[in-house]
Amino acid sequence: MTKLKLGMIADDKPVKVTAELPATVYRDLVAYAEVHGRETGQPVADPTRLIAPMIERFIATDRGFAKARRARHVTSS
């Protein structure tokens, strides 16, 4: 079984954002959605629904960002 970084997709009220992706990134997103659906048993009808959780996961695990954010909060408190 593959261990994906992305878990179950929360059903949350979205904010509309428009973005252009390179074709190669979109193809990878579609492939990721297929694997994610097999692994979680929750098929992904629209691969673009993975973008927000992927960005969320990326931000949550970015140590440099966390450090900069903590430093900003410390100096602004």
PDB file of N, CA and C in Angstrom:
ATOM      1  N   MET A   1       0.845  -1.184   0.000  1.00  0.00           N
ATOM      2  CA  MET A   1       0.000   0.000   0.000  1.00  0.00           C
ATOM      3  C   MET A   1       0.887   1.242   0.000  1.00  0.00           C
ATOM      4  N   THR A   2       0.548   2.189  -0.835  1.00  0.00           N
ATOM      5  CA  THR A   2       1.290   3.435  -0.940  1.00  0.00           C
ATOM      6  C   THR A   2       0.900   4.362   0.201  1.00  0.00           C
ATOM      7  N   LYS A   3       1.879   5.043   0.790  1.00  0.00           N
ATOM      8  CA  LYS A   3       1.608   6.005   1.862  1.00  0.00           C
ATOM      9  C   LYS A   3       1.615   7.400   1.252  1.00  0.00           C
ATOM     10  N   LEU A   4       0.417   7.951   1.000  1.00  0.00           N
ATOM     11  CA  LEU A   4       0.298   9.285   0.443  1.00  0.00           C
ATOM     12  C   LEU A   4       0.330  10.323   1.555  1.00  0.00           C
ATOM     13  N   LYS A   5       0.828  11.505   1.254  1.00  0.00           N
ATOM     14  CA  LYS A   5       0.840  12.589   2.222  1.00  0.00           C
ATOM     15  C   LYS A   5      -0.553  13.147   2.446  1.00  0.00           C
ATOM     16  N   LEU A   6      -1.422  12.976   1.478  1.00  0.00           N
ATOM     17  CA  LEU A   6      -2.758  13.547   1.543  1.00  0.00           C
ATOM     18  C   LEU A   6      -3.734  12.521   2.075  1.00  0.00           C
ATOM     19  N   GLY A   7      -4.485  12.882   3.109  1.00  0.00           N
ATOM     20  CA  GLY A   7      -5.478  11.991   3.691  1.00  0.00           C
ATOM     21  C   GLY A   7      -6.855  12.260   3.108  1.00  0.00           C
ATOM     22  N   MET A   8      -7.881  12.005   3.913  1.00  0.00           N
ATOM     23  CA  MET A   8      -9.257  12.222   3.480  1.00  0.00           C
ATOM     24  C   MET A   8      -9.474  13.711   3.195  1.00  0.00           C
ATOM     25  N   ILE A   9     -10.348  14.007   2.244  1.00  0.00           N
ATOM     26  CA  ILE A   9     -10.636  15.378   1.847  1.00  0.00           C
ATOM     27  C   ILE A   9     -11.832  15.884   2.649  1.00  0.00           C
ATOM     28  N   ALA A  10     -11.608  16.971   3.410  1.00  0.00           N
ATOM     29  CA  ALA A  10     -12.687  17.559   4.199  1.00  0.00           C
ATOM     30  C   ALA A  10     -13.664  18.278   3.281  1.00  0.00           C
ATOM     31  N   ASP A  11     -14.939  18.189   3.627  1.00  0.00           N
ATOM     32  CA  ASP A  11     -15.963  18.901   2.866  1.00  0.00           C
ATOM     33  C   ASP A  11     -16.176  20.244   3.551  1.00  0.00           C
ATOM     34  N   ASP A  12     -15.502  21.270   3.051  1.00  0.00           N
ATOM     35  CA  ASP A  12     -15.499  22.587   3.662  1.00  0.00           C
ATOM     36  C   ASP A  12     -15.963  23.617   2.636  1.00  0.00           C
ATOM     37  N   LYS A  13     -16.506  24.733   3.104  1.00  0.00           N
ATOM     38  CA  LYS A  13     -16.967  25.775   2.183  1.00  0.00           C
ATOM     39  C   LYS A  13     -15.757  26.409   1.498  1.00  0.00           C
ATOM     40  N   PRO A  14     -15.675  26.315   0.183  1.00  0.00           N
ATOM     41  CA  PRO A  14     -14.497  26.803  -0.539  1.00  0.00           C
ATOM     42  C   PRO A  14     -14.555  28.292  -0.883  1.00  0.00           C
ATOM     43  N   VAL A  15     -13.400  28.829  -1.188  1.00  0.00           N
ATOM     44  CA  VAL A  15     -13.250  30.162  -1.742  1.00  0.00           C
ATOM     45  C   VAL A  15     -12.792  29.960  -3.176  1.00  0.00           C
ATOM     46  N   LYS A  16     -13.426  30.618  -4.108  1.00  0.00           N
ATOM     47  CA  LYS A  16     -13.126  30.427  -5.534  1.00  0.00           C
ATOM     48  C   LYS A  16     -11.802  31.093  -5.899  1.00  0.00           C
ATOM     49  N   VAL A  17     -10.907  30.323  -6.498  1.00  0.00           N
ATOM     50  CA  VAL A  17      -9.615  30.802  -6.981  1.00  0.00           C
ATOM     51  C   VAL A  17      -9.419  30.228  -8.378  1.00  0.00           C
ATOM     52  N   THR A  18      -8.926  31.039  -9.281  1.00  0.00           N
ATOM     53  CA  THR A  18      -8.638  30.560 -10.629  1.00  0.00           C
ATOM     54  C   THR A  18      -7.132  30.521 -10.812  1.00  0.00           C
ATOM     55  N   ALA A  19      -6.637  29.405 -11.314  1.00  0.00           N
ATOM     56  CA  ALA A  19      -5.198  29.252 -11.534  1.00  0.00           C
ATOM     57  C   ALA A  19      -4.967  28.448 -12.807  1.00  0.00           C
ATOM     58  N   GLU A  20      -3.863  28.722 -13.463  1.00  0.00           N
ATOM     59  CA  GLU A  20      -3.454  27.939 -14.625  1.00  0.00           C
ATOM     60  C   GLU A  20      -2.332  27.012 -14.201  1.00  0.00           C
ATOM     61  N   LEU A  21      -2.440  25.768 -14.618  1.00  0.00           N
ATOM     62  CA  LEU A  21      -1.415  24.772 -14.323  1.00  0.00           C
ATOM     63  C   LEU A  21      -0.766  24.327 -15.621  1.00  0.00           C
ATOM     64  N   PRO A  22       0.529  24.066 -15.586  1.00  0.00           N
ATOM     65  CA  PRO A  22       1.158  23.451 -16.757  1.00  0.00           C
ATOM     66  C   PRO A  22       0.494  22.088 -17.009  1.00  0.00           C
ATOM     67  N   ALA A  23       0.424  21.697 -18.260  1.00  0.00           N
ATOM     68  CA  ALA A  23      -0.215  20.429 -18.619  1.00  0.00           C
ATOM     69  C   ALA A  23       0.402  19.250 -17.871  1.00  0.00           C
ATOM     70  N   THR A  24       1.704  19.266 -17.686  1.00  0.00           N
ATOM     71  CA  THR A  24       2.359  18.149 -16.983  1.00  0.00           C
ATOM     72  C   THR A  24       1.907  18.078 -15.522  1.00  0.00           C
ATOM     73  N   VAL A  25       1.736  19.230 -14.892  1.00  0.00           N
ATOM     74  CA  VAL A  25       1.278  19.254 -13.501  1.00  0.00           C
ATOM     75  C   VAL A  25      -0.162  18.744 -13.430  1.00  0.00           C
ATOM     76  N   TYR A  26      -0.996  19.143 -14.378  1.00  0.00           N
ATOM     77  CA  TYR A  26      -2.380  18.673 -14.382  1.00  0.00           C
ATOM     78  C   TYR A  26      -2.443  17.159 -14.589  1.00  0.00           C
ATOM     79  N   ARG A  27      -1.624  16.642 -15.497  1.00  0.00           N
ATOM     80  CA  ARG A  27      -1.604  15.178 -15.710  1.00  0.00           C
ATOM     81  C   ARG A  27      -1.178  14.463 -14.435  1.00  0.00           C
ATOM     82  N   ASP A  28      -0.189  15.001 -13.734  1.00  0.00           N
ATOM     83  CA  ASP A  28       0.228  14.408 -12.460  1.00  0.00           C
ATOM     84  C   ASP A  28      -0.889  14.499 -11.420  1.00  0.00           C
ATOM     85  N   LEU A  29      -1.623  15.605 -11.423  1.00  0.00           N
ATOM     86  CA  LEU A  29      -2.738  15.767 -10.493  1.00  0.00           C
ATOM     87  C   LEU A  29      -3.812  14.723 -10.764  1.00  0.00           C
ATOM     88  N   VAL A  30      -4.107  14.483 -12.018  1.00  0.00           N
ATOM     89  CA  VAL A  30      -5.094  13.459 -12.392  1.00  0.00           C
ATOM     90  C   VAL A  30      -4.606  12.075 -11.949  1.00  0.00           C
ATOM     91  N   ALA A  31      -3.347  11.784 -12.188  1.00  0.00           N
ATOM     92  CA  ALA A  31      -2.785  10.493 -11.770  1.00  0.00           C
ATOM     93  C   ALA A  31      -2.812  10.362 -10.248  1.00  0.00           C
ATOM     94  N   TYR A  32      -2.471  11.443  -9.539  1.00  0.00           N
ATOM     95  CA  TYR A  32      -2.503  11.427  -8.072  1.00  0.00           C
ATOM     96  C   TYR A  32      -3.924  11.161  -7.593  1.00  0.00           C
ATOM     97  N   ALA A  33      -4.909  11.806  -8.226  1.00  0.00           N
ATOM     98  CA  ALA A  33      -6.309  11.615  -7.845  1.00  0.00           C
ATOM     99  C   ALA A  33      -6.718  10.154  -8.004  1.00  0.00           C
ATOM    100  N   GLU A  34      -6.254   9.509  -9.064  1.00  0.00           N
ATOM    101  CA  GLU A  34      -6.578   8.098  -9.278  1.00  0.00           C
ATOM    102  C   GLU A  34      -5.988   7.226  -8.169  1.00  0.00           C
ATOM    103  N   VAL A  35      -4.722   7.469  -7.827  1.00  0.00           N
ATOM    104  CA  VAL A  35      -4.074   6.702  -6.756  1.00  0.00           C
ATOM    105  C   VAL A  35      -4.752   7.003  -5.424  1.00  0.00           C
ATOM    106  N   HIS A  36      -5.027   8.262  -5.165  1.00  0.00           N
ATOM    107  CA  HIS A  36      -5.681   8.668  -3.922  1.00  0.00           C
ATOM    108  C   HIS A  36      -7.035   7.980  -3.780  1.00  0.00           C
ATOM    109  N   GLY A  37      -7.798   7.918  -4.846  1.00  0.00           N
ATOM    110  CA  GLY A  37      -9.092   7.249  -4.821  1.00  0.00           C
ATOM    111  C   GLY A  37      -8.977   5.771  -4.498  1.00  0.00           C
ATOM    112  N   ARG A  38      -7.979   5.123  -5.098  1.00  0.00           N
ATOM    113  CA  ARG A  38      -7.757   3.695  -4.804  1.00  0.00           C
ATOM    114  C   ARG A  38      -7.337   3.497  -3.356  1.00  0.00           C
ATOM    115  N   GLU A  39      -6.447   4.335  -2.848  1.00  0.00           N
ATOM    116  CA  GLU A  39      -5.905   4.176  -1.498  1.00  0.00           C
ATOM    117  C   GLU A  39      -6.930   4.485  -0.409  1.00  0.00           C
ATOM    118  N   THR A  40      -7.774   5.476  -0.634  1.00  0.00           N
ATOM    119  CA  THR A  40      -8.726   5.893   0.405  1.00  0.00           C
ATOM    120  C   THR A  40     -10.097   5.269   0.226  1.00  0.00           C
ATOM    121  N   GLY A  41     -10.367   4.692  -0.939  1.00  0.00           N
ATOM    122  CA  GLY A  41     -11.692   4.165  -1.213  1.00  0.00           C
ATOM    123  C   GLY A  41     -12.700   5.273  -1.464  1.00  0.00           C
ATOM    124  N   GLN A  42     -12.194   6.482  -1.641  1.00  0.00           N
ATOM    125  CA  GLN A  42     -13.027   7.662  -1.886  1.00  0.00           C
ATOM    126  C   GLN A  42     -12.638   8.226  -3.251  1.00  0.00           C
ATOM    127  N   PRO A  43     -13.300   7.781  -4.321  1.00  0.00           N
ATOM    128  CA  PRO A  43     -12.930   8.263  -5.646  1.00  0.00           C
ATOM    129  C   PRO A  43     -13.002   9.788  -5.737  1.00  0.00           C
ATOM    130  N   VAL A  44     -12.053  10.361  -6.458  1.00  0.00           N
ATOM    131  CA  VAL A  44     -12.007  11.807  -6.653  1.00  0.00           C
ATOM    132  C   VAL A  44     -12.537  12.096  -8.043  1.00  0.00           C
ATOM    133  N   ALA A  45     -13.769  12.617  -8.102  1.00  0.00           N
ATOM    134  CA  ALA A  45     -14.402  12.897  -9.391  1.00  0.00           C
ATOM    135  C   ALA A  45     -13.738  14.082 -10.085  1.00  0.00           C
ATOM    136  N   ASP A  46     -13.300  15.054  -9.292  1.00  0.00           N
ATOM    137  CA  ASP A  46     -12.685  16.260  -9.839  1.00  0.00           C
ATOM    138  C   ASP A  46     -11.297  16.424  -9.229  1.00  0.00           C
ATOM    139  N   PRO A  47     -10.235  16.125  -9.985  1.00  0.00           N
ATOM    140  CA  PRO A  47      -8.882  16.210  -9.443  1.00  0.00           C
ATOM    141  C   PRO A  47      -8.521  17.582  -8.884  1.00  0.00           C
ATOM    142  N   THR A  48      -9.164  18.642  -9.364  1.00  0.00           N
ATOM    143  CA  THR A  48      -8.830  19.973  -8.854  1.00  0.00           C
ATOM    144  C   THR A  48      -9.217  20.136  -7.386  1.00  0.00           C
ATOM    145  N   ARG A  49     -10.084  19.267  -6.872  1.00  0.00           N
ATOM    146  CA  ARG A  49     -10.429  19.316  -5.442  1.00  0.00           C
ATOM    147  C   ARG A  49      -9.252  18.931  -4.558  1.00  0.00           C
ATOM    148  N   LEU A  50      -8.225  18.339  -5.141  1.00  0.00           N
ATOM    149  CA  LEU A  50      -7.042  17.976  -4.361  1.00  0.00           C
ATOM    150  C   LEU A  50      -6.090  19.154  -4.159  1.00  0.00           C
ATOM    151  N   ILE A  51      -6.223  20.185  -4.956  1.00  0.00           N
ATOM    152  CA  ILE A  51      -5.260  21.287  -4.914  1.00  0.00           C
ATOM    153  C   ILE A  51      -5.228  21.948  -3.539  1.00  0.00           C
ATOM    154  N   ALA A  52      -6.384  22.298  -2.992  1.00  0.00           N
ATOM    155  CA  ALA A  52      -6.417  22.974  -1.692  1.00  0.00           C
ATOM    156  C   ALA A  52      -5.816  22.115  -0.572  1.00  0.00           C
ATOM    157  N   PRO A  53      -6.202  20.833  -0.444  1.00  0.00           N
ATOM    158  CA  PRO A  53      -5.581  20.019   0.598  1.00  0.00           C
ATOM    159  C   PRO A  53      -4.072  19.841   0.390  1.00  0.00           C
ATOM    160  N   MET A  54      -3.637  19.801  -0.872  1.00  0.00           N
ATOM    161  CA  MET A  54      -2.203  19.679  -1.148  1.00  0.00           C
ATOM    162  C   MET A  54      -1.461  20.936  -0.693  1.00  0.00           C
ATOM    163  N   ILE A  55      -2.029  22.090  -0.992  1.00  0.00           N
ATOM    164  CA  ILE A  55      -1.399  23.342  -0.562  1.00  0.00           C
ATOM    165  C   ILE A  55      -1.409  23.426   0.960  1.00  0.00           C
ATOM    166  N   GLU A  56      -2.531  23.046   1.559  1.00  0.00           N
ATOM    167  CA  GLU A  56      -2.637  23.060   3.020  1.00  0.00           C
ATOM    168  C   GLU A  56      -1.568  22.170   3.651  1.00  0.00           C
ATOM    169  N   ARG A  57      -1.401  20.976   3.107  1.00  0.00           N
ATOM    170  CA  ARG A  57      -0.405  20.023   3.617  1.00  0.00           C
ATOM    171  C   ARG A  57       1.010  20.572   3.424  1.00  0.00           C
ATOM    172  N   PHE A  58       1.251  21.156   2.254  1.00  0.00           N
ATOM    173  CA  PHE A  58       2.556  21.735   1.965  1.00  0.00           C
ATOM    174  C   PHE A  58       2.894  22.821   2.983  1.00  0.00           C
ATOM    175  N   ILE A  59       1.959  23.726   3.211  1.00  0.00           N
ATOM    176  CA  ILE A  59       2.190  24.821   4.156  1.00  0.00           C
ATOM    177  C   ILE A  59       2.391  24.281   5.568  1.00  0.00           C
ATOM    178  N   ALA A  60       1.598  23.299   5.959  1.00  0.00           N
ATOM    179  CA  ALA A  60       1.691  22.738   7.307  1.00  0.00           C
ATOM    180  C   ALA A  60       3.022  22.046   7.567  1.00  0.00           C
ATOM    181  N   THR A  61       3.673  21.560   6.513  1.00  0.00           N
ATOM    182  CA  THR A  61       4.923  20.823   6.712  1.00  0.00           C
ATOM    183  C   THR A  61       6.162  21.606   6.281  1.00  0.00           C
ATOM    184  N   ASP A  62       5.987  22.873   5.922  1.00  0.00           N
ATOM    185  CA  ASP A  62       7.110  23.706   5.507  1.00  0.00           C
ATOM    186  C   ASP A  62       7.760  24.330   6.749  1.00  0.00           C
ATOM    187  N   ARG A  63       8.884  23.786   7.160  1.00  0.00           N
ATOM    188  CA  ARG A  63       9.552  24.243   8.382  1.00  0.00           C
ATOM    189  C   ARG A  63      10.006  25.693   8.305  1.00  0.00           C
ATOM    190  N   GLY A  64      10.493  26.102   7.146  1.00  0.00           N
ATOM    191  CA  GLY A  64      10.929  27.482   6.970  1.00  0.00           C
ATOM    192  C   GLY A  64       9.779  28.456   7.149  1.00  0.00           C
ATOM    193  N   PHE A  65       8.616  28.103   6.603  1.00  0.00           N
ATOM    194  CA  PHE A  65       7.441  28.948   6.754  1.00  0.00           C
ATOM    195  C   PHE A  65       7.008  29.004   8.217  1.00  0.00           C
ATOM    196  N   ALA A  66       6.988  27.855   8.881  1.00  0.00           N
ATOM    197  CA  ALA A  66       6.582  27.814  10.289  1.00  0.00           C
ATOM    198  C   ALA A  66       7.505  28.674  11.142  1.00  0.00           C
ATOM    199  N   LYS A  67       8.796  28.587  10.873  1.00  0.00           N
ATOM    200  CA  LYS A  67       9.765  29.379  11.628  1.00  0.00           C
ATOM    201  C   LYS A  67       9.552  30.875  11.390  1.00  0.00           C
ATOM    202  N   ALA A  68       9.366  31.256  10.137  1.00  0.00           N
ATOM    203  CA  ALA A  68       9.133  32.666   9.809  1.00  0.00           C
ATOM    204  C   ALA A  68       7.824  33.156  10.419  1.00  0.00           C
ATOM    205  N   ARG A  69       6.817  32.323  10.405  1.00  0.00           N
ATOM    206  CA  ARG A  69       5.522  32.705  10.985  1.00  0.00           C
ATOM    207  C   ARG A  69       5.633  32.889  12.493  1.00  0.00           C
ATOM    208  N   ARG A  70       6.331  31.967  13.160  1.00  0.00           N
ATOM    209  CA  ARG A  70       6.535  32.111  14.610  1.00  0.00           C
ATOM    210  C   ARG A  70       7.311  33.378  14.925  1.00  0.00           C
ATOM    211  N   ALA A  71       8.342  33.645  14.147  1.00  0.00           N
ATOM    212  CA  ALA A  71       9.157  34.843  14.376  1.00  0.00           C
ATOM    213  C   ALA A  71       8.318  36.100  14.186  1.00  0.00           C
ATOM    214  N   ARG A  72       7.460  36.110  13.220  1.00  0.00           N
ATOM    215  CA  ARG A  72       6.597  37.270  12.979  1.00  0.00           C
ATOM    216  C   ARG A  72       5.636  37.477  14.123  1.00  0.00           C
ATOM    217  N   HIS A  73       5.074  36.374  14.650  1.00  0.00           N
ATOM    218  CA  HIS A  73       4.134  36.479  15.772  1.00  0.00           C
ATOM    219  C   HIS A  73       4.829  36.934  17.040  1.00  0.00           C
ATOM    220  N   VAL A  74       6.039  36.501  17.238  1.00  0.00           N
ATOM    221  CA  VAL A  74       6.797  36.898  18.426  1.00  0.00           C
ATOM    222  C   VAL A  74       7.103  38.387  18.375  1.00  0.00           C
ATOM    223  N   THR A  75       7.520  38.891  17.233  1.00  0.00           N
ATOM    224  CA  THR A  75       7.878  40.298  17.120  1.00  0.00           C
ATOM    225  C   THR A  75       6.673  41.214  17.099  1.00  0.00           C
ATOM    226  N   SER A  76       5.509  40.713  16.669  1.00  0.00           N
ATOM    227  CA  SER A  76       4.324  41.563  16.613  1.00  0.00           C
ATOM    228  C   SER A  76       3.480  41.493  17.881  1.00  0.00           C
ATOM    229  N   SER A  77       3.812  40.611  18.818  1.00  0.00           N
ATOM    230  CA  SER A  77       3.042  40.467  20.053  1.00  0.00           C
ATOM    231  C   SER A  77       3.384  41.528  21.070  1.00  0.00           C
TER     232      SER A  77
END
